[in-house]
Every structure is written in C-alpha cells, then in structure tokens.
C-alpha cells in the first residue's frame, strides 16, 4: 500500500514542479517583454526570483498578472499580423503578374474584354 501512495505523491509533486517551472518561465519572459518596466526593476525582480523564487513568482502574478495577459495578447496579435503579412507577400502575385495572366486569358479567348477590365481593376486595387 505504501508503494501506491508513494507513486501518487511522485505524480502530484512532479505535476506541481512542472507547473511551477512553467509559471517561472512565463514570469521571466514577461519581464523582458515589458517595455514599460525599467532595467533596474527587472534586475530586482530577477534577484527576487533567484533568492525567493516561489514568493517572487506569486507576487509577480498577483501584482502584474493583468499586464502579463495584455502583453501576451499583444505578442500573439503581432505574431499573427506578421505571419499574415508574410503569407500575403510570398503567396500573392504582383499586380503586373495578375494583369499579365489576365491578358494571356484574353488573348487565348478564355475571357472577354469586360472580364479582363474587371480583373485589371481588381489587381490594381
């Protein structure tokens, strides 16, 4: 029976340790992500994380938790907009290429002049 409870204790303590490490890394990343927090305060928080890690992380989440969420949300939005811009840049053809493709379709008789004009306007918009 003691082996079963030792195993349960091992699982629970491992879970708590991993959760603590995740919180600790989030606090450190948030410290360096925050442009409003000056360098001296960042150093003080880091010193606190080294000497009293549990209490410092707890106080950081209590006092600066809302800001952590806002900074994380801003970072996610920035990453998404950067990714979308990169995909548009790489995947999209230039307006000249789109007009050239439409002209080839017009010359081949696949589309008429009105359709070509609409595609040209769309490419230039």
N, C-alpha and C. Protein backbone atom coordinates (compact mmCIF):
# COMPACT_ATOMS: atom_id res chain seq x y z
N UNK A 1 0.81 -1.19 0.00
CA UNK A 1 0.00 0.00 0.00
C UNK A 1 0.85 1.25 0.00
N UNK A 2 2.01 1.20 0.62
CA UNK A 2 2.89 2.37 0.68
C UNK A 2 3.43 2.71 -0.70
N UNK A 3 3.65 1.70 -1.52
CA UNK A 3 4.17 1.97 -2.87
C UNK A 3 3.16 2.73 -3.71
N UNK A 4 1.89 2.42 -3.57
CA UNK A 4 0.85 3.13 -4.31
C UNK A 4 0.83 4.60 -3.94
N UNK A 5 0.87 4.91 -2.65
CA UNK A 5 0.82 6.31 -2.22
C UNK A 5 2.12 7.04 -2.55
N UNK A 6 3.23 6.34 -2.55
CA UNK A 6 4.48 6.95 -2.99
C UNK A 6 4.40 7.34 -4.45
N UNK A 7 3.79 6.46 -5.25
CA UNK A 7 3.62 6.74 -6.67
C UNK A 7 2.70 7.94 -6.89
N UNK A 8 1.60 8.01 -6.16
CA UNK A 8 0.67 9.14 -6.25
C UNK A 8 1.37 10.43 -5.85
N UNK A 9 2.15 10.37 -4.78
CA UNK A 9 2.89 11.55 -4.33
C UNK A 9 3.91 11.98 -5.38
N UNK A 10 4.58 11.01 -6.01
CA UNK A 10 5.55 11.34 -7.06
C UNK A 10 4.87 12.04 -8.23
N UNK A 11 3.72 11.54 -8.65
CA UNK A 11 3.00 12.15 -9.77
C UNK A 11 2.55 13.56 -9.40
N UNK A 12 1.98 13.72 -8.20
CA UNK A 12 1.49 15.04 -7.79
C UNK A 12 2.63 16.03 -7.64
N UNK A 13 3.73 15.62 -7.03
CA UNK A 13 4.85 16.54 -6.85
C UNK A 13 5.50 16.87 -8.20
N UNK A 14 5.55 15.92 -9.13
CA UNK A 14 6.09 16.19 -10.47
C UNK A 14 5.22 17.19 -11.20
N UNK A 15 3.91 17.02 -11.09
CA UNK A 15 2.98 17.95 -11.73
C UNK A 15 3.16 19.37 -11.18
N UNK A 16 3.23 19.49 -9.87
CA UNK A 16 3.39 20.81 -9.26
C UNK A 16 4.72 21.44 -9.64
N UNK A 17 5.77 20.65 -9.72
CA UNK A 17 7.08 21.18 -10.10
C UNK A 17 7.07 21.69 -11.54
N UNK A 18 6.49 20.92 -12.44
CA UNK A 18 6.42 21.35 -13.85
C UNK A 18 5.54 22.60 -13.97
N UNK A 19 4.43 22.65 -13.26
CA UNK A 19 3.57 23.84 -13.29
C UNK A 19 4.32 25.06 -12.76
N UNK A 20 5.09 24.86 -11.70
CA UNK A 20 5.88 25.95 -11.14
C UNK A 20 6.93 26.44 -12.15
N UNK A 21 7.59 25.51 -12.84
CA UNK A 21 8.58 25.91 -13.84
C UNK A 21 7.95 26.69 -14.98
N UNK A 22 6.77 26.27 -15.40
CA UNK A 22 6.08 26.98 -16.48
C UNK A 22 5.76 28.41 -16.04
N UNK A 23 5.26 28.57 -14.83
CA UNK A 23 4.96 29.91 -14.32
C UNK A 23 6.23 30.74 -14.22
N UNK A 24 7.30 30.12 -13.73
CA UNK A 24 8.57 30.83 -13.60
C UNK A 24 9.08 31.33 -14.95
N UNK A 25 9.02 30.48 -15.97
CA UNK A 25 9.46 30.89 -17.30
C UNK A 25 8.57 31.99 -17.87
N UNK A 26 7.27 31.90 -17.63
CA UNK A 26 6.36 32.96 -18.09
C UNK A 26 6.70 34.30 -17.43
N UNK A 27 7.03 34.26 -16.16
CA UNK A 27 7.38 35.49 -15.45
C UNK A 27 8.66 36.08 -16.04
N UNK A 28 9.67 35.25 -16.27
CA UNK A 28 10.93 35.75 -16.82
C UNK A 28 10.72 36.30 -18.23
N UNK A 29 9.97 35.60 -19.07
CA UNK A 29 9.72 36.10 -20.42
C UNK A 29 8.94 37.40 -20.38
N UNK A 30 7.98 37.50 -19.47
CA UNK A 30 7.19 38.72 -19.36
C UNK A 30 8.04 39.89 -18.88
N UNK A 31 8.98 39.62 -18.01
CA UNK A 31 9.88 40.69 -17.55
C UNK A 31 10.61 41.32 -18.72
N UNK A 32 11.13 40.50 -19.62
CA UNK A 32 11.90 41.02 -20.73
C UNK A 32 11.01 41.54 -21.87
N UNK A 33 9.74 41.16 -21.88
CA UNK A 33 8.82 41.62 -22.92
C UNK A 33 8.25 42.99 -22.60
N UNK A 34 8.25 43.38 -21.33
CA UNK A 34 7.59 44.61 -20.90
C UNK A 34 8.48 45.82 -21.15
N UNK A 35 8.14 46.67 -22.12
CA UNK A 35 8.97 47.84 -22.39
C UNK A 35 8.78 48.95 -21.36
N UNK A 36 7.68 48.94 -20.61
CA UNK A 36 7.42 50.00 -19.63
C UNK A 36 8.22 49.81 -18.35
N UNK A 37 8.65 48.59 -18.07
CA UNK A 37 9.39 48.30 -16.85
C UNK A 37 10.87 48.60 -17.10
N UNK A 38 11.44 49.46 -16.27
CA UNK A 38 12.83 49.88 -16.46
C UNK A 38 13.79 48.78 -16.01
N UNK A 39 15.02 48.88 -16.49
CA UNK A 39 16.03 47.84 -16.26
C UNK A 39 16.30 47.53 -14.80
N UNK A 40 16.33 48.55 -13.94
CA UNK A 40 16.59 48.33 -12.53
C UNK A 40 15.52 47.48 -11.87
N UNK A 41 14.27 47.73 -12.24
CA UNK A 41 13.18 46.94 -11.67
C UNK A 41 13.23 45.49 -12.18
N UNK A 42 13.64 45.34 -13.44
CA UNK A 42 13.78 43.98 -13.98
C UNK A 42 14.84 43.22 -13.19
N UNK A 43 15.94 43.90 -12.89
CA UNK A 43 17.01 43.26 -12.11
C UNK A 43 16.51 42.88 -10.73
N UNK A 44 15.75 43.75 -10.09
CA UNK A 44 15.21 43.44 -8.76
C UNK A 44 14.27 42.23 -8.80
N UNK A 45 13.41 42.17 -9.80
CA UNK A 45 12.53 41.01 -9.93
C UNK A 45 13.35 39.74 -10.14
N UNK A 46 14.38 39.82 -10.99
CA UNK A 46 15.22 38.63 -11.24
C UNK A 46 15.97 38.20 -10.00
N UNK A 47 16.48 39.16 -9.21
CA UNK A 47 17.15 38.80 -7.96
C UNK A 47 16.17 38.12 -7.02
N UNK A 48 14.95 38.64 -6.96
CA UNK A 48 13.92 38.00 -6.15
C UNK A 48 13.62 36.60 -6.63
N UNK A 49 13.59 36.40 -7.96
CA UNK A 49 13.32 35.06 -8.50
C UNK A 49 14.45 34.09 -8.17
N UNK A 50 15.68 34.59 -8.01
CA UNK A 50 16.79 33.71 -7.69
C UNK A 50 16.77 33.32 -6.21
N UNK A 51 16.52 34.29 -5.32
CA UNK A 51 16.63 34.02 -3.89
C UNK A 51 15.32 33.54 -3.24
N UNK A 52 14.19 34.05 -3.69
CA UNK A 52 12.89 33.62 -3.17
C UNK A 52 11.96 33.34 -4.36
N UNK A 53 12.24 32.31 -5.12
CA UNK A 53 11.53 32.11 -6.39
C UNK A 53 10.02 31.92 -6.24
N UNK A 54 9.59 31.13 -5.28
CA UNK A 54 8.16 30.85 -5.16
C UNK A 54 7.38 32.11 -4.81
N UNK A 55 7.84 32.84 -3.79
CA UNK A 55 7.11 34.03 -3.35
C UNK A 55 7.20 35.16 -4.38
N UNK A 56 8.36 35.30 -5.00
CA UNK A 56 8.50 36.35 -6.02
C UNK A 56 7.60 36.08 -7.21
N UNK A 57 7.55 34.83 -7.67
CA UNK A 57 6.66 34.49 -8.79
C UNK A 57 5.20 34.70 -8.39
N UNK A 58 4.85 34.34 -7.17
CA UNK A 58 3.48 34.54 -6.69
C UNK A 58 3.12 36.03 -6.66
N UNK A 59 4.01 36.85 -6.10
CA UNK A 59 3.76 38.29 -6.05
C UNK A 59 3.73 38.90 -7.45
N UNK A 60 4.59 38.43 -8.33
CA UNK A 60 4.61 38.96 -9.70
C UNK A 60 3.26 38.69 -10.38
N UNK A 61 2.77 37.46 -10.25
CA UNK A 61 1.49 37.12 -10.88
C UNK A 61 0.35 37.90 -10.22
N UNK A 62 0.41 38.10 -8.92
CA UNK A 62 -0.65 38.85 -8.24
C UNK A 62 -0.67 40.32 -8.64
N UNK A 63 0.50 40.94 -8.67
CA UNK A 63 0.56 42.39 -8.91
C UNK A 63 0.63 42.76 -10.38
N UNK A 64 1.20 41.92 -11.21
CA UNK A 64 1.38 42.27 -12.61
C UNK A 64 0.68 41.29 -13.55
N UNK A 65 -0.22 40.48 -13.03
CA UNK A 65 -0.89 39.44 -13.83
C UNK A 65 -1.71 39.98 -14.97
N UNK A 66 -2.46 41.07 -14.76
CA UNK A 66 -3.28 41.63 -15.83
C UNK A 66 -2.39 42.14 -16.96
N UNK A 67 -1.30 42.77 -16.58
CA UNK A 67 -0.36 43.24 -17.60
C UNK A 67 0.28 42.09 -18.37
N UNK A 68 0.51 40.97 -17.68
CA UNK A 68 1.06 39.79 -18.34
C UNK A 68 0.11 39.32 -19.45
N UNK A 69 -1.16 39.26 -19.13
CA UNK A 69 -2.16 38.83 -20.12
C UNK A 69 -2.22 39.80 -21.29
N UNK A 70 -2.18 41.09 -21.01
CA UNK A 70 -2.23 42.09 -22.08
C UNK A 70 -1.00 42.00 -22.98
N UNK A 71 0.17 41.84 -22.38
CA UNK A 71 1.40 41.74 -23.18
C UNK A 71 1.42 40.45 -23.99
N UNK A 72 0.92 39.36 -23.43
CA UNK A 72 0.86 38.10 -24.17
C UNK A 72 -0.10 38.22 -25.35
N UNK A 73 -1.25 38.85 -25.13
CA UNK A 73 -2.23 39.05 -26.19
C UNK A 73 -1.65 39.94 -27.29
N UNK A 74 -0.94 41.00 -26.92
CA UNK A 74 -0.32 41.88 -27.91
C UNK A 74 0.75 41.12 -28.70
N UNK A 75 1.52 40.27 -28.04
CA UNK A 75 2.55 39.50 -28.74
C UNK A 75 1.92 38.51 -29.72
N UNK A 76 0.81 37.88 -29.32
CA UNK A 76 0.13 36.94 -30.21
C UNK A 76 -0.44 37.67 -31.42
N UNK A 77 -1.05 38.83 -31.17
CA UNK A 77 -1.61 39.61 -32.29
C UNK A 77 -0.51 40.08 -33.24
N UNK A 78 0.62 40.52 -32.70
CA UNK A 78 1.73 40.96 -33.54
C UNK A 78 2.27 39.80 -34.37
N UNK A 79 2.41 38.63 -33.76
CA UNK A 79 2.90 37.46 -34.48
C UNK A 79 1.93 37.07 -35.59
N UNK A 80 0.63 37.15 -35.31
CA UNK A 80 -0.37 36.81 -36.33
C UNK A 80 -0.33 37.80 -37.48
N UNK A 81 -0.23 39.08 -37.19
CA UNK A 81 -0.18 40.06 -38.28
C UNK A 81 1.10 39.92 -39.08
N UNK A 82 2.23 39.63 -38.41
CA UNK A 82 3.47 39.40 -39.14
C UNK A 82 3.37 38.17 -40.05
N UNK A 83 2.76 37.11 -39.53
CA UNK A 83 2.58 35.89 -40.33
C UNK A 83 1.67 36.15 -41.51
N UNK A 84 0.56 36.84 -41.28
CA UNK A 84 -0.37 37.15 -42.38
C UNK A 84 0.30 38.01 -43.44
N UNK A 85 1.07 38.99 -43.02
CA UNK A 85 1.77 39.85 -43.98
C UNK A 85 2.79 39.05 -44.79
N UNK A 86 3.50 38.15 -44.12
CA UNK A 86 4.49 37.33 -44.82
C UNK A 86 3.81 36.41 -45.83
N UNK A 87 2.69 35.81 -45.43
CA UNK A 87 1.98 34.91 -46.34
C UNK A 87 1.46 35.69 -47.55
N UNK A 88 0.90 36.89 -47.31
CA UNK A 88 0.43 37.70 -48.44
C UNK A 88 1.58 38.07 -49.36
N UNK A 89 2.73 38.38 -48.77
CA UNK A 89 3.88 38.79 -49.58
C UNK A 89 4.39 37.63 -50.43
N UNK A 90 4.46 36.45 -49.85
CA UNK A 90 5.03 35.31 -50.55
C UNK A 90 4.04 34.68 -51.52
N UNK A 91 2.78 34.56 -51.09
CA UNK A 91 1.80 33.84 -51.88
C UNK A 91 1.18 34.68 -52.99
N UNK A 92 1.06 35.95 -52.79
CA UNK A 92 0.35 36.79 -53.75
C UNK A 92 1.25 37.16 -54.92
N UNK A 93 0.63 37.22 -56.06
CA UNK A 93 1.34 37.71 -57.24
C UNK A 93 1.28 39.23 -57.25
N UNK A 94 2.24 39.82 -57.90
CA UNK A 94 2.22 41.27 -58.03
C UNK A 94 1.10 41.68 -58.98
N UNK A 95 0.67 42.93 -58.92
CA UNK A 95 -0.40 43.37 -59.84
C UNK A 95 -0.01 43.19 -61.31
N UNK A 96 1.26 43.41 -61.63
CA UNK A 96 1.69 43.24 -63.02
C UNK A 96 1.55 41.78 -63.46
N UNK A 97 1.88 40.84 -62.57
CA UNK A 97 1.74 39.42 -62.91
C UNK A 97 0.26 39.05 -63.08
N UNK A 98 -0.61 39.58 -62.22
CA UNK A 98 -2.03 39.30 -62.34
C UNK A 98 -2.60 39.84 -63.64
N UNK A 99 -2.18 41.05 -64.00
CA UNK A 99 -2.67 41.65 -65.27
C UNK A 99 -2.12 40.86 -66.45
N UNK A 100 -0.86 40.42 -66.37
CA UNK A 100 -0.28 39.61 -67.44
C UNK A 100 -1.02 38.29 -67.62
N UNK A 101 -1.38 37.64 -66.50
CA UNK A 101 -2.15 36.40 -66.59
C UNK A 101 -3.52 36.65 -67.20
N UNK A 102 -4.16 37.76 -66.80
CA UNK A 102 -5.47 38.10 -67.36
C UNK A 102 -5.36 38.41 -68.85
N UNK A 103 -4.28 39.08 -69.26
CA UNK A 103 -4.07 39.39 -70.69
C UNK A 103 -3.88 38.11 -71.49
N UNK A 104 -3.16 37.14 -70.91
CA UNK A 104 -2.97 35.86 -71.60
C UNK A 104 -4.31 35.16 -71.78
N UNK A 105 -5.18 35.23 -70.75
CA UNK A 105 -6.51 34.64 -70.88
C UNK A 105 -7.34 35.37 -71.93
N UNK A 106 -7.20 36.70 -72.00
CA UNK A 106 -7.93 37.48 -73.01
C UNK A 106 -7.44 37.11 -74.40
N UNK A 107 -6.13 37.02 -74.58
CA UNK A 107 -5.57 36.67 -75.89
C UNK A 107 -5.97 35.26 -76.32
N UNK A 108 -6.11 34.36 -75.36
CA UNK A 108 -6.49 32.99 -75.68
C UNK A 108 -7.99 32.87 -75.94
N UNK A 109 -8.74 33.92 -75.65
CA UNK A 109 -10.18 33.90 -75.87
C UNK A 109 -10.96 33.28 -74.71
N UNK A 110 -10.30 33.03 -73.61
CA UNK A 110 -10.98 32.42 -72.46
C UNK A 110 -11.90 33.41 -71.77
N UNK A 111 -11.51 34.67 -71.73
CA UNK A 111 -12.34 35.71 -71.14
C UNK A 111 -12.56 36.81 -72.16
N UNK A 112 -13.59 37.65 -71.94
CA UNK A 112 -13.84 38.75 -72.85
C UNK A 112 -13.24 40.04 -72.30
N UNK A 113 -13.39 41.13 -73.02
CA UNK A 113 -12.77 42.39 -72.64
C UNK A 113 -13.33 42.91 -71.30
N UNK A 114 -14.60 42.75 -71.06
CA UNK A 114 -15.20 43.21 -69.80
C UNK A 114 -14.63 42.46 -68.60
N UNK A 115 -14.47 41.16 -68.74
CA UNK A 115 -13.88 40.38 -67.65
C UNK A 115 -12.42 40.77 -67.43
N UNK A 116 -11.72 41.03 -68.52
CA UNK A 116 -10.32 41.47 -68.41
C UNK A 116 -10.24 42.79 -67.65
N UNK A 117 -11.14 43.73 -67.97
CA UNK A 117 -11.14 45.02 -67.30
C UNK A 117 -11.42 44.89 -65.80
N UNK A 118 -12.35 44.00 -65.44
CA UNK A 118 -12.64 43.76 -64.02
C UNK A 118 -11.43 43.16 -63.30
N UNK A 119 -10.77 42.18 -63.94
CA UNK A 119 -9.58 41.59 -63.32
C UNK A 119 -8.45 42.61 -63.18
N UNK A 120 -8.34 43.49 -64.17
CA UNK A 120 -7.31 44.53 -64.12
C UNK A 120 -7.60 45.49 -62.98
N UNK A 121 -8.86 45.91 -62.83
CA UNK A 121 -9.22 46.81 -61.72
C UNK A 121 -8.96 46.16 -60.36
N UNK A 122 -9.29 44.87 -60.26
CA UNK A 122 -9.09 44.15 -59.01
C UNK A 122 -7.61 44.05 -58.68
N UNK A 123 -6.77 43.83 -59.69
CA UNK A 123 -5.33 43.72 -59.47
C UNK A 123 -4.73 45.06 -59.04
N UNK A 124 -5.26 46.14 -59.57
CA UNK A 124 -4.73 47.46 -59.26
C UNK A 124 -5.30 48.03 -57.97
N UNK A 125 -6.36 47.43 -57.44
CA UNK A 125 -6.98 47.93 -56.20
C UNK A 125 -6.17 47.58 -54.98
